[in-house]
Amino acid sequence: MIERPYDQTSPRRSDGSDVVDGPPPGIDADPGLLHRAYAIDLEFERSVSRNRNLALFRRNASSWELLLALCCAPDHGKPGVYELIEGLRTKGLGQSALLRFVRDRRDDGLLVFDRHHTKKSKMQVRPEPELARAMSDLLLRRAVAIRDLLSGTG
């Protein structure tokens, strides 16, 4: 029998390190930390709701995932419409409702379809530049606030 260096039932990261439940050591020493973390997320949600275009996507987990997936896709390899919808993991909307949502956002001008293929199903989708910029600005602001919070400067 081969001896295993770790319990195979415990979760492990791809680098082989153990996944530890709960906060990192020392995080729970500051009782106000969690309160400030909630405040950061609350401000993020309020900022999203103040932006009419982002709020359209934030109404549903699937449409929000769709926008996140589009924003993080490489510029040279944006997914096709059906590939994008089939790749979503949240189940807030069915595929036909998502397809209609994508078409409505195309009609609004918030999603841009680039036709590089002759097949309509291979049309690539990307967010309108101002929408992508607003999304990036909000996410970056939240990331900086979280970084500052964890480093003790926020």
N, C-alpha and C. Protein backbone atom coordinates (compact mmCIF):
# COMPACT_ATOMS: atom_id res chain seq x y z
N MET A 1 0.84 -1.18 0.00
CA MET A 1 0.00 0.00 0.00
C MET A 1 0.89 1.25 0.00
N ILE A 2 0.53 2.21 -0.85
CA ILE A 2 1.29 3.46 -0.93
C ILE A 2 0.74 4.42 0.11
N GLU A 3 1.64 4.97 0.89
CA GLU A 3 1.22 5.92 1.92
C GLU A 3 1.05 7.30 1.30
N ARG A 4 -0.07 7.92 1.59
CA ARG A 4 -0.36 9.26 1.07
C ARG A 4 0.14 10.30 2.06
N PRO A 5 0.77 11.38 1.55
CA PRO A 5 1.29 12.41 2.45
C PRO A 5 0.21 13.28 3.07
N TYR A 6 -1.02 13.15 2.61
CA TYR A 6 -2.11 13.96 3.16
C TYR A 6 -3.41 13.18 3.03
N ASP A 7 -4.40 13.63 3.75
CA ASP A 7 -5.72 13.03 3.68
C ASP A 7 -6.36 13.42 2.35
N GLN A 8 -6.68 12.45 1.51
CA GLN A 8 -7.21 12.75 0.18
C GLN A 8 -8.60 13.37 0.21
N THR A 9 -9.27 13.30 1.33
CA THR A 9 -10.61 13.89 1.40
C THR A 9 -10.57 15.37 1.73
N SER A 10 -9.45 15.87 2.23
CA SER A 10 -9.39 17.30 2.54
C SER A 10 -9.16 18.08 1.26
N PRO A 11 -9.82 19.22 1.11
CA PRO A 11 -9.67 20.01 -0.11
C PRO A 11 -8.26 20.57 -0.24
N ARG A 12 -7.77 20.60 -1.51
CA ARG A 12 -6.43 21.10 -1.78
C ARG A 12 -6.49 22.04 -2.97
N ARG A 13 -5.61 23.02 -2.94
CA ARG A 13 -5.48 23.93 -4.07
C ARG A 13 -4.67 23.26 -5.17
N SER A 14 -4.66 23.89 -6.34
CA SER A 14 -3.91 23.33 -7.46
C SER A 14 -2.42 23.29 -7.18
N ASP A 15 -1.92 24.16 -6.29
CA ASP A 15 -0.49 24.14 -5.95
C ASP A 15 -0.17 23.10 -4.87
N GLY A 16 -1.18 22.36 -4.39
CA GLY A 16 -0.96 21.31 -3.40
C GLY A 16 -1.15 21.74 -1.97
N SER A 17 -1.34 23.04 -1.73
CA SER A 17 -1.51 23.51 -0.36
C SER A 17 -2.94 23.24 0.11
N ASP A 18 -3.09 23.11 1.42
CA ASP A 18 -4.40 22.83 2.00
C ASP A 18 -5.30 24.06 1.92
N VAL A 19 -6.58 23.80 1.71
CA VAL A 19 -7.58 24.85 1.80
C VAL A 19 -8.03 24.90 3.25
N VAL A 20 -7.92 26.04 3.86
CA VAL A 20 -8.27 26.19 5.27
C VAL A 20 -9.58 26.96 5.36
N ASP A 21 -10.52 26.41 6.13
CA ASP A 21 -11.78 27.11 6.34
C ASP A 21 -11.59 28.22 7.35
N GLY A 22 -12.34 29.28 7.17
CA GLY A 22 -12.28 30.39 8.12
C GLY A 22 -11.29 31.44 7.69
N PRO A 23 -11.23 32.50 8.44
CA PRO A 23 -10.35 33.61 8.08
C PRO A 23 -8.89 33.27 8.33
N PRO A 24 -7.98 33.93 7.62
CA PRO A 24 -6.55 33.74 7.87
C PRO A 24 -6.21 34.12 9.30
N PRO A 25 -5.13 33.59 9.84
CA PRO A 25 -4.74 33.91 11.21
C PRO A 25 -4.60 35.42 11.41
N GLY A 26 -5.15 35.92 12.51
CA GLY A 26 -5.04 37.33 12.83
C GLY A 26 -6.16 38.20 12.29
N ILE A 27 -6.88 37.70 11.28
CA ILE A 27 -7.95 38.49 10.68
C ILE A 27 -9.06 38.75 11.69
N ASP A 28 -9.38 37.74 12.49
CA ASP A 28 -10.48 37.89 13.44
C ASP A 28 -10.07 38.67 14.70
N ALA A 29 -8.82 39.11 14.77
CA ALA A 29 -8.37 39.87 15.94
C ALA A 29 -8.96 41.28 15.95
N ASP A 30 -9.35 41.79 14.79
CA ASP A 30 -9.93 43.13 14.69
C ASP A 30 -11.44 42.99 14.53
N PRO A 31 -12.21 43.27 15.58
CA PRO A 31 -13.66 43.08 15.50
C PRO A 31 -14.34 44.01 14.49
N GLY A 32 -13.73 45.12 14.15
CA GLY A 32 -14.33 46.04 13.20
C GLY A 32 -14.03 45.71 11.75
N LEU A 33 -13.15 44.74 11.53
CA LEU A 33 -12.73 44.39 10.17
C LEU A 33 -13.91 43.93 9.32
N LEU A 34 -14.69 43.01 9.86
CA LEU A 34 -15.83 42.49 9.10
C LEU A 34 -16.84 43.60 8.81
N HIS A 35 -17.06 44.46 9.78
CA HIS A 35 -17.97 45.59 9.58
C HIS A 35 -17.49 46.48 8.43
N ARG A 36 -16.20 46.76 8.39
CA ARG A 36 -15.65 47.60 7.32
C ARG A 36 -15.70 46.87 5.97
N ALA A 37 -15.53 45.54 5.99
CA ALA A 37 -15.65 44.76 4.75
C ALA A 37 -17.08 44.82 4.21
N TYR A 38 -18.05 44.70 5.11
CA TYR A 38 -19.45 44.85 4.69
C TYR A 38 -19.70 46.23 4.10
N ALA A 39 -19.13 47.25 4.72
CA ALA A 39 -19.31 48.62 4.24
C ALA A 39 -18.73 48.80 2.83
N ILE A 40 -17.62 48.14 2.56
CA ILE A 40 -17.02 48.21 1.21
C ILE A 40 -17.96 47.59 0.19
N ASP A 41 -18.49 46.41 0.50
CA ASP A 41 -19.41 45.77 -0.44
C ASP A 41 -20.72 46.54 -0.57
N LEU A 42 -21.19 47.11 0.52
CA LEU A 42 -22.41 47.92 0.46
C LEU A 42 -22.20 49.12 -0.46
N GLU A 43 -21.07 49.78 -0.34
CA GLU A 43 -20.78 50.92 -1.22
C GLU A 43 -20.67 50.46 -2.68
N PHE A 44 -20.09 49.28 -2.90
CA PHE A 44 -19.99 48.74 -4.26
C PHE A 44 -21.39 48.53 -4.84
N GLU A 45 -22.27 47.88 -4.08
CA GLU A 45 -23.64 47.63 -4.56
C GLU A 45 -24.37 48.93 -4.85
N ARG A 46 -24.21 49.91 -3.98
CA ARG A 46 -24.86 51.20 -4.20
C ARG A 46 -24.30 51.91 -5.43
N SER A 47 -23.01 51.78 -5.66
CA SER A 47 -22.41 52.37 -6.85
C SER A 47 -22.93 51.71 -8.12
N VAL A 48 -23.08 50.40 -8.07
CA VAL A 48 -23.63 49.68 -9.23
C VAL A 48 -25.06 50.17 -9.49
N SER A 49 -25.85 50.30 -8.44
CA SER A 49 -27.26 50.70 -8.62
C SER A 49 -27.39 52.13 -9.15
N ARG A 50 -26.39 52.97 -8.88
CA ARG A 50 -26.43 54.35 -9.39
C ARG A 50 -26.08 54.43 -10.87
N ASN A 51 -25.46 53.40 -11.39
CA ASN A 51 -25.12 53.36 -12.81
C ASN A 51 -26.21 52.55 -13.52
N ARG A 52 -27.06 53.23 -14.25
CA ARG A 52 -28.21 52.59 -14.89
C ARG A 52 -27.82 51.38 -15.74
N ASN A 53 -26.74 51.50 -16.48
CA ASN A 53 -26.34 50.42 -17.38
C ASN A 53 -25.82 49.20 -16.62
N LEU A 54 -25.02 49.43 -15.59
CA LEU A 54 -24.55 48.30 -14.78
C LEU A 54 -25.70 47.67 -14.01
N ALA A 55 -26.64 48.49 -13.55
CA ALA A 55 -27.77 47.97 -12.78
C ALA A 55 -28.62 47.01 -13.61
N LEU A 56 -28.69 47.21 -14.92
CA LEU A 56 -29.42 46.28 -15.78
C LEU A 56 -28.85 44.87 -15.69
N PHE A 57 -27.53 44.78 -15.61
CA PHE A 57 -26.88 43.48 -15.52
C PHE A 57 -26.94 42.92 -14.11
N ARG A 58 -26.92 43.78 -13.11
CA ARG A 58 -26.84 43.33 -11.71
C ARG A 58 -28.16 42.78 -11.18
N ARG A 59 -29.24 42.96 -11.90
CA ARG A 59 -30.55 42.50 -11.44
C ARG A 59 -30.63 40.99 -11.29
N ASN A 60 -29.77 40.28 -11.96
CA ASN A 60 -29.84 38.82 -11.96
C ASN A 60 -28.43 38.25 -11.92
N ALA A 61 -28.24 37.17 -11.20
CA ALA A 61 -26.91 36.57 -11.07
C ALA A 61 -26.35 36.14 -12.42
N SER A 62 -27.19 35.60 -13.29
CA SER A 62 -26.70 35.13 -14.59
C SER A 62 -26.29 36.28 -15.49
N SER A 63 -27.05 37.35 -15.50
CA SER A 63 -26.68 38.49 -16.35
C SER A 63 -25.44 39.19 -15.81
N TRP A 64 -25.26 39.19 -14.48
CA TRP A 64 -24.05 39.76 -13.89
C TRP A 64 -22.84 38.89 -14.24
N GLU A 65 -23.00 37.57 -14.16
CA GLU A 65 -21.92 36.67 -14.54
C GLU A 65 -21.57 36.87 -16.01
N LEU A 66 -22.57 37.07 -16.85
CA LEU A 66 -22.35 37.29 -18.27
C LEU A 66 -21.47 38.52 -18.48
N LEU A 67 -21.78 39.61 -17.79
CA LEU A 67 -20.96 40.83 -17.93
C LEU A 67 -19.54 40.61 -17.42
N LEU A 68 -19.41 39.94 -16.28
CA LEU A 68 -18.07 39.65 -15.75
C LEU A 68 -17.28 38.79 -16.73
N ALA A 69 -17.93 37.77 -17.30
CA ALA A 69 -17.25 36.89 -18.26
C ALA A 69 -16.79 37.66 -19.48
N LEU A 70 -17.63 38.57 -19.96
CA LEU A 70 -17.24 39.38 -21.13
C LEU A 70 -16.09 40.31 -20.81
N CYS A 71 -16.12 40.90 -19.63
CA CYS A 71 -15.07 41.85 -19.25
C CYS A 71 -13.72 41.16 -19.05
N CYS A 72 -13.73 39.92 -18.60
CA CYS A 72 -12.44 39.26 -18.36
C CYS A 72 -11.97 38.42 -19.54
N ALA A 73 -12.77 38.32 -20.60
CA ALA A 73 -12.33 37.58 -21.79
C ALA A 73 -11.26 38.40 -22.51
N PRO A 74 -10.25 37.74 -23.07
CA PRO A 74 -9.21 38.48 -23.80
C PRO A 74 -9.80 39.19 -25.01
N ASP A 75 -9.22 40.33 -25.36
CA ASP A 75 -9.74 41.12 -26.48
C ASP A 75 -9.73 40.35 -27.79
N HIS A 76 -8.73 39.53 -27.99
CA HIS A 76 -8.61 38.81 -29.26
C HIS A 76 -9.43 37.53 -29.29
N GLY A 77 -10.02 37.14 -28.19
CA GLY A 77 -10.76 35.88 -28.17
C GLY A 77 -12.10 35.99 -27.46
N LYS A 78 -12.85 37.05 -27.74
CA LYS A 78 -14.17 37.20 -27.12
C LYS A 78 -15.04 36.02 -27.54
N PRO A 79 -15.87 35.53 -26.62
CA PRO A 79 -16.69 34.36 -26.94
C PRO A 79 -17.84 34.71 -27.88
N GLY A 80 -18.32 33.68 -28.58
CA GLY A 80 -19.52 33.83 -29.38
C GLY A 80 -20.74 33.85 -28.47
N VAL A 81 -21.86 34.25 -29.01
CA VAL A 81 -23.08 34.41 -28.23
C VAL A 81 -23.46 33.12 -27.52
N TYR A 82 -23.58 32.04 -28.28
CA TYR A 82 -24.02 30.78 -27.70
C TYR A 82 -22.96 30.17 -26.78
N GLU A 83 -21.72 30.31 -27.16
CA GLU A 83 -20.62 29.83 -26.32
C GLU A 83 -20.63 30.54 -24.97
N LEU A 84 -20.88 31.83 -24.99
CA LEU A 84 -20.94 32.62 -23.77
C LEU A 84 -22.08 32.15 -22.87
N ILE A 85 -23.26 32.02 -23.44
CA ILE A 85 -24.44 31.63 -22.66
C ILE A 85 -24.30 30.22 -22.10
N GLU A 86 -23.78 29.31 -22.91
CA GLU A 86 -23.62 27.93 -22.45
C GLU A 86 -22.55 27.80 -21.38
N GLY A 87 -21.62 28.73 -21.33
CA GLY A 87 -20.53 28.67 -20.35
C GLY A 87 -20.87 29.25 -18.99
N LEU A 88 -22.02 29.89 -18.86
CA LEU A 88 -22.40 30.48 -17.58
C LEU A 88 -22.75 29.39 -16.58
N ARG A 89 -22.38 29.60 -15.33
CA ARG A 89 -22.63 28.58 -14.30
C ARG A 89 -23.78 28.93 -13.38
N THR A 90 -24.11 30.21 -13.27
CA THR A 90 -25.25 30.57 -12.44
C THR A 90 -26.53 30.23 -13.19
N LYS A 91 -27.55 29.91 -12.45
CA LYS A 91 -28.78 29.44 -13.08
C LYS A 91 -29.96 30.37 -12.81
N GLY A 92 -29.70 31.67 -12.75
CA GLY A 92 -30.76 32.63 -12.49
C GLY A 92 -31.72 32.78 -13.65
N LEU A 93 -31.22 32.57 -14.86
CA LEU A 93 -32.04 32.65 -16.06
C LEU A 93 -31.74 31.45 -16.94
N GLY A 94 -32.74 31.00 -17.67
CA GLY A 94 -32.54 29.93 -18.64
C GLY A 94 -31.84 30.46 -19.88
N GLN A 95 -31.45 29.55 -20.77
CA GLN A 95 -30.70 29.97 -21.95
C GLN A 95 -31.51 30.86 -22.88
N SER A 96 -32.79 30.57 -23.06
CA SER A 96 -33.59 31.41 -23.96
C SER A 96 -33.78 32.81 -23.38
N ALA A 97 -33.98 32.91 -22.06
CA ALA A 97 -34.11 34.23 -21.42
C ALA A 97 -32.80 35.00 -21.51
N LEU A 98 -31.67 34.31 -21.35
CA LEU A 98 -30.37 34.97 -21.47
C LEU A 98 -30.13 35.45 -22.90
N LEU A 99 -30.52 34.64 -23.86
CA LEU A 99 -30.36 35.03 -25.26
C LEU A 99 -31.19 36.29 -25.54
N ARG A 100 -32.39 36.32 -25.02
CA ARG A 100 -33.22 37.52 -25.18
C ARG A 100 -32.58 38.73 -24.48
N PHE A 101 -32.04 38.52 -23.28
CA PHE A 101 -31.36 39.59 -22.55
C PHE A 101 -30.19 40.13 -23.37
N VAL A 102 -29.40 39.23 -23.95
CA VAL A 102 -28.25 39.65 -24.78
C VAL A 102 -28.74 40.45 -25.98
N ARG A 103 -29.80 39.98 -26.62
CA ARG A 103 -30.34 40.72 -27.78
C ARG A 103 -30.87 42.09 -27.37
N ASP A 104 -31.54 42.16 -26.22
CA ASP A 104 -32.04 43.46 -25.74
C ASP A 104 -30.88 44.41 -25.44
N ARG A 105 -29.81 43.90 -24.85
CA ARG A 105 -28.65 44.75 -24.55
C ARG A 105 -27.94 45.16 -25.85
N ARG A 106 -28.00 44.30 -26.86
CA ARG A 106 -27.47 44.70 -28.17
C ARG A 106 -28.30 45.86 -28.72
N ASP A 107 -29.63 45.75 -28.60
CA ASP A 107 -30.50 46.81 -29.09
C ASP A 107 -30.30 48.11 -28.31
N ASP A 108 -29.98 47.99 -27.00
CA ASP A 108 -29.68 49.17 -26.17
C ASP A 108 -28.32 49.78 -26.51
N GLY A 109 -27.47 49.01 -27.16
CA GLY A 109 -26.11 49.46 -27.45
C GLY A 109 -25.11 49.12 -26.37
N LEU A 110 -25.54 48.37 -25.33
CA LEU A 110 -24.63 48.03 -24.24
C LEU A 110 -23.74 46.84 -24.58
N LEU A 111 -24.19 45.99 -25.46
CA LEU A 111 -23.37 44.88 -25.95
C LEU A 111 -23.18 45.07 -27.44
N VAL A 112 -21.97 44.83 -27.89
CA VAL A 112 -21.62 45.01 -29.29
C VAL A 112 -21.31 43.64 -29.88
N PHE A 113 -21.90 43.36 -31.03
CA PHE A 113 -21.66 42.10 -31.73
C PHE A 113 -20.68 42.37 -32.86
N ASP A 114 -19.57 41.65 -32.86
CA ASP A 114 -18.57 41.77 -33.92
C ASP A 114 -18.68 40.54 -34.80
N ARG A 115 -18.94 40.76 -36.05
CA ARG A 115 -19.10 39.63 -36.97
C ARG A 115 -17.78 39.39 -37.71
N HIS A 116 -17.01 38.44 -37.18
CA HIS A 116 -15.76 38.06 -37.84
C HIS A 116 -15.93 36.75 -38.59
N HIS A 117 -17.03 36.09 -38.37
CA HIS A 117 -17.31 34.81 -39.02
C HIS A 117 -18.54 34.98 -39.90
N THR A 118 -18.69 34.07 -40.84
CA THR A 118 -19.87 34.12 -41.69
C THR A 118 -21.10 33.57 -40.98
N LYS A 119 -20.88 32.72 -39.97
CA LYS A 119 -22.01 32.16 -39.22
C LYS A 119 -22.45 33.13 -38.13
N LYS A 120 -23.76 33.36 -38.04
CA LYS A 120 -24.29 34.26 -37.00
C LYS A 120 -23.99 33.74 -35.61
N SER A 121 -23.97 32.42 -35.44
CA SER A 121 -23.74 31.84 -34.12
C SER A 121 -22.33 32.09 -33.62
N LYS A 122 -21.43 32.46 -34.50
CA LYS A 122 -20.03 32.71 -34.11
C LYS A 122 -19.73 34.19 -33.91
N MET A 123 -20.77 35.03 -33.98
CA MET A 123 -20.54 36.45 -33.74
C MET A 123 -20.01 36.63 -32.32
N GLN A 124 -18.97 37.41 -32.20
CA GLN A 124 -18.38 37.65 -30.88
C GLN A 124 -19.10 38.82 -30.21
N VAL A 125 -19.19 38.72 -28.89
CA VAL A 125 -19.88 39.74 -28.11
C VAL A 125 -18.86 40.43 -27.21
N ARG A 126 -19.00 41.73 -27.09
CA ARG A 126 -18.16 42.48 -26.15
C ARG A 126 -19.00 43.59 -25.55
N PRO A 127 -18.65 44.01 -24.34
CA PRO A 127 -19.39 45.13 -23.75
C PRO A 127 -19.02 46.44 -24.44
N GLU A 128 -19.95 47.33 -24.50
CA GLU A 128 -19.71 48.67 -25.02
C GLU A 128 -18.59 49.28 -24.19
N PRO A 129 -17.64 50.01 -24.79
CA PRO A 129 -16.46 50.49 -24.06
C PRO A 129 -16.77 51.28 -22.78
N GLU A 130 -17.78 52.13 -22.79
CA GLU A 130 -18.12 52.91 -21.59
C GLU A 130 -18.63 52.00 -20.47
N LEU A 131 -19.39 50.97 -20.83
CA LEU A 131 -19.87 50.00 -19.84
C LEU A 131 -18.70 49.23 -19.24
N ALA A 132 -17.77 48.79 -20.09
CA ALA A 132 -16.59 48.06 -19.60
C ALA A 132 -15.74 48.96 -18.70
N ARG A 133 -15.62 50.22 -19.06
CA ARG A 133 -14.83 51.16 -18.26
C ARG A 133 -15.49 51.39 -16.89
N ALA A 134 -16.81 51.55 -16.87
CA ALA A 134 -17.52 51.74 -15.61
C ALA A 134 -17.38 50.51 -14.72
N MET A 135 -17.47 49.34 -15.32
CA MET A 135 -17.32 48.09 -14.56
C MET A 135 -15.90 48.00 -13.99
N SER A 136 -14.91 48.27 -14.80
CA SER A 136 -13.52 48.21 -14.35
C SER A 136 -13.25 49.21 -13.23
N ASP A 137 -13.77 50.42 -13.38
CA ASP A 137 -13.56 51.44 -12.35
C ASP A 137 -14.13 51.01 -11.00
N LEU A 138 -15.36 50.50 -11.01
CA LEU A 138 -15.99 50.08 -9.76
C LEU A 138 -15.26 48.90 -9.12
N LEU A 139 -14.91 47.91 -9.93
CA LEU A 139 -14.21 46.74 -9.38
C LEU A 139 -12.83 47.11 -8.86
N LEU A 140 -12.15 48.01 -9.56
CA LEU A 140 -10.83 48.44 -9.10
C LEU A 140 -10.94 49.22 -7.79
N ARG A 141 -11.95 50.09 -7.69
CA ARG A 141 -12.15 50.84 -6.45
C ARG A 141 -12.41 49.89 -5.28
N ARG A 142 -13.23 48.87 -5.51
CA ARG A 142 -13.51 47.90 -4.44
C ARG A 142 -12.26 47.11 -4.09
N ALA A 143 -11.49 46.70 -5.09
CA ALA A 143 -10.26 45.93 -4.84
C ALA A 143 -9.26 46.75 -4.03
N VAL A 144 -9.12 48.03 -4.36
CA VAL A 144 -8.20 48.90 -3.62
C VAL A 144 -8.67 49.06 -2.18
N ALA A 145 -9.97 49.23 -1.99
CA ALA A 145 -10.51 49.38 -0.63
C ALA A 145 -10.27 48.11 0.19
N ILE A 146 -10.44 46.95 -0.42
CA ILE A 146 -10.19 45.68 0.29
C ILE A 146 -8.71 45.52 0.59
N ARG A 147 -7.87 45.87 -0.38
CA ARG A 147 -6.42 45.80 -0.14
C ARG A 147 -6.02 46.70 1.03
N ASP A 148 -6.53 47.92 1.02
CA ASP A 148 -6.21 48.85 2.10
C ASP A 148 -6.73 48.35 3.44
N LEU A 149 -7.90 47.76 3.42
CA LEU A 149 -8.48 47.21 4.65
C LEU A 149 -7.59 46.11 5.22
N LEU A 150 -7.16 45.21 4.35
CA LEU A 150 -6.34 44.08 4.81
C LEU A 150 -4.92 44.48 5.17
N SER A 151 -4.43 45.55 4.56
CA SER A 151 -3.07 46.00 4.89
C SER A 151 -3.06 46.91 6.12
N GLY A 152 -4.24 47.28 6.59
CA GLY A 152 -4.32 48.12 7.78
C GLY A 152 -4.34 49.60 7.50
N THR A 153 -4.37 50.00 6.22
CA THR A 153 -4.39 51.42 5.90
C THR A 153 -5.80 51.92 5.62
N GLY A 154 -6.77 51.00 5.59
CA GLY A 154 -8.13 51.42 5.26
C GLY A 154 -9.11 51.29 6.38
